[in-house]
Amino acid sequence: ALPGNQKPFAAMYFNDLVQGVTNGLKSIPFDENPGTSCIIRNMPFGIYGVNSQIDVFNVRFNNIQPANFCYNKSCKTAAISSLVKTGVSTKQLNVGGDDIPNQLNLHNEFMDCYFGVRSQGNINSNILHNVFTHNDLGASTKPSGRAIMLLDANNNTIKVNHNHIIDH
């Protein structure tokens, strides 16, 4: 345990990760068993990538919320955060995809996350077949329900298709 009830920064941190699922390599987390998924919950960031190719499939994110000091417009907390710094070549962010029947479950689930997916910089983004849900039964005082935010993606390819964004 961390001292003083501190939360870890992120479940996974990638810096200059070159390959994702391309060429037969698989990014973490990924499981070829459709009945298995990775669960990331109760953290400020789920997956945090800098200058990296990121592929995220079959993951459940729950209660990815900022630390108490970060409730303002500049907060960047997200279940999946991808940042490409100025001057770095274009990177790829793949979040979810078309399921392969009876083989692979490629969609992700985001529940009560400050941001589901947040990217900034020179990033081609595919955000496909995911579920973003905010269930606030009156007990939560934390902001939630922001599904996708893509910043500074000038001249990049962006595909955001077949996602379910639900607030109830």
Protein backbone atom coordinates (compact mmCIF):
# COMPACT_ATOMS: atom_id res chain seq x y z
CA ALA A 1 0.00 0.00 0.00
CA LEU A 2 1.08 3.55 -0.65
CA PRO A 3 1.64 5.82 2.35
CA GLY A 4 -1.12 8.15 3.47
CA ASN A 5 -3.84 6.38 1.44
CA GLN A 6 -2.35 7.74 -1.79
CA LYS A 7 -3.57 6.36 -5.10
CA PRO A 8 -1.10 5.15 -7.74
CA PHE A 9 -0.71 7.50 -10.72
CA ALA A 10 -1.87 4.97 -13.35
CA ALA A 11 -2.50 1.26 -13.73
CA MET A 12 -0.32 1.25 -16.85
CA TYR A 13 2.16 3.84 -18.12
CA PHE A 14 3.64 3.68 -21.63
CA ASN A 15 6.44 5.96 -22.82
CA ASP A 16 7.64 5.72 -26.44
CA LEU A 17 5.88 2.38 -27.00
CA VAL A 18 6.41 1.63 -30.68
CA GLN A 19 4.06 -1.20 -31.62
CA GLY A 20 0.60 -2.19 -30.58
CA VAL A 21 -1.36 -5.00 -32.20
CA THR A 22 0.37 -4.56 -35.57
CA ASN A 23 2.71 -7.27 -36.80
CA GLY A 24 1.19 -9.84 -34.45
CA LEU A 25 2.29 -8.10 -31.26
CA LYS A 26 -0.33 -7.39 -28.63
CA SER A 27 -0.42 -4.47 -26.25
CA ILE A 28 -1.22 -4.96 -22.63
CA PRO A 29 -3.98 -5.45 -21.65
CA PHE A 30 -5.23 -7.94 -24.15
CA ASP A 31 -6.54 -11.45 -23.70
CA GLU A 32 -7.50 -13.82 -26.46
CA ASN A 33 -10.16 -15.43 -24.27
CA PRO A 34 -13.42 -13.54 -24.98
CA GLY A 35 -14.68 -14.36 -21.47
CA THR A 36 -11.75 -12.62 -19.81
CA SER A 37 -11.25 -8.92 -19.44
CA CYS A 38 -8.89 -6.65 -17.61
CA ILE A 39 -10.48 -4.50 -14.89
CA ILE A 40 -8.99 -1.13 -13.91
CA ARG A 41 -10.74 0.86 -11.18
CA ASN A 42 -10.39 3.56 -8.54
CA MET A 43 -7.36 5.35 -9.97
CA PRO A 44 -6.56 8.82 -11.40
CA PHE A 45 -5.52 7.25 -14.75
CA GLY A 46 -6.16 3.81 -16.17
CA ILE A 47 -3.74 3.74 -19.10
CA TYR A 48 -1.40 6.71 -19.60
CA GLY A 49 0.69 6.88 -22.76
CA VAL A 50 3.24 9.44 -23.94
CA ASN A 51 4.47 9.31 -27.55
CA SER A 52 3.15 5.76 -27.82
CA GLN A 53 1.13 3.49 -30.09
CA ILE A 54 -1.70 2.30 -27.83
CA ASP A 55 -4.24 -0.45 -28.47
CA VAL A 56 -6.86 -1.09 -25.80
CA PHE A 57 -9.28 -3.99 -26.14
CA ASN A 58 -11.50 -5.89 -23.70
CA VAL A 59 -10.96 -3.66 -20.65
CA ARG A 60 -13.42 -2.46 -18.02
CA PHE A 61 -12.66 0.92 -16.47
CA ASN A 62 -14.57 1.91 -13.36
CA ASN A 63 -14.37 5.07 -11.24
CA ILE A 64 -11.34 6.63 -12.91
CA GLN A 65 -11.48 9.97 -11.12
CA PRO A 66 -9.02 12.77 -10.37
CA ALA A 67 -7.32 13.18 -7.06
CA ASN A 68 -9.16 15.58 -4.74
CA PHE A 69 -6.99 18.53 -5.78
CA CYS A 70 -7.88 18.27 -9.46
CA TYR A 71 -11.53 19.26 -9.88
CA ASN A 72 -11.19 22.05 -12.42
CA LYS A 73 -11.14 22.54 -16.19
CA SER A 74 -7.43 21.80 -16.48
CA CYS A 75 -7.73 18.29 -15.03
CA LYS A 76 -6.62 15.64 -17.52
CA THR A 77 -7.68 12.49 -15.65
CA ALA A 78 -8.91 9.77 -18.03
CA ALA A 79 -9.40 6.05 -18.26
CA ILE A 80 -7.22 6.21 -21.38
CA SER A 81 -4.94 9.21 -21.84
CA SER A 82 -2.64 9.58 -24.82
CA LEU A 83 -0.30 12.52 -25.31
CA VAL A 84 2.03 13.07 -28.25
CA LYS A 85 4.49 15.90 -27.73
CA THR A 86 5.20 18.55 -30.37
CA GLY A 87 7.71 17.40 -32.99
CA VAL A 88 7.04 13.67 -32.50
CA SER A 89 5.79 11.64 -35.47
CA THR A 90 2.14 10.60 -35.74
CA LYS A 91 1.02 7.87 -33.33
CA GLN A 92 -1.99 5.56 -33.39
CA LEU A 93 -4.63 5.15 -30.67
CA ASN A 94 -7.02 2.20 -31.07
CA VAL A 95 -9.73 1.89 -28.45
CA GLY A 96 -12.12 -0.96 -29.10
CA GLY A 97 -13.00 -2.45 -32.44
CA ASP A 98 -15.28 -4.80 -34.27
CA ASP A 99 -15.76 -7.96 -32.23
CA ILE A 100 -14.79 -11.18 -33.96
CA PRO A 101 -17.74 -13.53 -33.26
CA ASN A 102 -16.89 -16.44 -30.93
CA GLN A 103 -13.25 -15.34 -30.86
CA LEU A 104 -12.42 -11.91 -29.50
CA ASN A 105 -14.28 -9.29 -27.50
CA LEU A 106 -12.68 -6.03 -28.60
CA HIS A 107 -14.96 -3.43 -27.01
CA ASN A 108 -14.20 -1.63 -23.76
CA GLU A 109 -16.49 -0.46 -20.97
CA PHE A 110 -16.11 2.87 -19.17
CA MET A 111 -18.21 3.49 -16.06
CA ASP A 112 -18.07 6.67 -13.97
CA CYS A 113 -14.87 8.00 -15.54
CA TYR A 114 -13.96 11.69 -15.53
CA PHE A 115 -12.93 11.23 -19.17
CA GLY A 116 -13.26 7.91 -20.95
CA VAL A 117 -10.72 8.63 -23.69
CA ARG A 118 -8.60 11.78 -23.82
CA SER A 119 -5.93 12.39 -26.44
CA GLN A 120 -3.82 15.38 -27.33
CA GLY A 121 -1.41 15.88 -30.18
CA ASN A 122 -0.47 14.20 -33.43
CA ILE A 123 -2.60 11.06 -33.00
CA ASN A 124 -4.71 9.05 -35.45
CA SER A 125 -7.61 7.77 -33.34
CA ASN A 126 -10.00 4.84 -33.79
CA ILE A 127 -12.60 4.71 -31.02
CA LEU A 128 -15.04 1.98 -31.97
CA HIS A 129 -17.72 -0.16 -30.31
CA ASN A 130 -17.24 0.96 -26.70
CA VAL A 131 -19.74 1.63 -23.92
CA PHE A 132 -19.48 4.79 -21.81
CA THR A 133 -21.87 4.89 -18.84
CA HIS A 134 -22.43 7.26 -15.96
CA ASN A 135 -24.59 5.90 -13.16
CA ASP A 136 -25.07 8.66 -10.63
CA LEU A 137 -27.65 7.61 -8.11
CA GLY A 138 -27.34 10.87 -6.21
CA ALA A 139 -24.55 9.66 -3.95
CA SER A 140 -21.60 10.72 -6.10
CA THR A 141 -20.22 14.23 -5.88
CA LYS A 142 -17.50 13.54 -8.46
CA PRO A 143 -17.90 14.87 -12.00
CA SER A 144 -18.32 12.13 -14.54
CA GLY A 145 -19.85 11.34 -17.88
CA ARG A 146 -17.36 12.89 -20.32
CA ALA A 147 -16.88 10.16 -22.86
CA ILE A 148 -14.34 11.30 -25.46
CA MET A 149 -12.10 14.35 -25.81
CA LEU A 150 -9.64 14.63 -28.70
CA LEU A 151 -7.46 17.76 -28.74
CA ASP A 152 -5.01 19.20 -31.28
CA ALA A 153 -5.65 16.44 -33.82
CA ASN A 154 -5.17 18.68 -36.85
CA ASN A 155 -4.84 16.73 -40.12
CA ASN A 156 -5.11 13.41 -38.30
CA THR A 157 -7.50 10.56 -39.05
CA ILE A 158 -10.27 10.21 -36.48
CA LYS A 159 -12.89 7.45 -36.45
CA VAL A 160 -15.47 7.47 -33.65
CA ASN A 161 -18.14 4.92 -34.56
CA HIS A 162 -20.67 2.60 -32.95
CA ASN A 163 -20.04 3.71 -29.36
CA HIS A 164 -22.81 3.82 -26.75
CA ILE A 165 -22.72 6.88 -24.50
CA ILE A 166 -25.26 6.53 -21.73
CA ASP A 167 -26.14 8.72 -18.76
CA HIS A 168 -28.70 7.33 -16.35
